[in-house]
Amino acid sequence: MHLVCVTGPPAVGKMTVGRAVCDLTGFRLFHNHMSIEPLLGVYDFGTPRSSGSTP
């Protein structure tokens, strides 16, 4: 298995780079929206943490 992580600040083109890597290598793209968006229907974005949670 091969794993490539592309990191950086918001809106700098990480997904664009990821798609280009996929096009060049045949790798598949698993981006953060695939894990976040299904949960938005359950948890509001910006939901306050409970008092017992850790940072």
Foldseek 3Di string as FASTA:
>chain_A
DDDDDDDDDPPPCSVVVVVVCCVVPVDDDDDPCVVPVVCCVVDPVPPDDDPPDDD
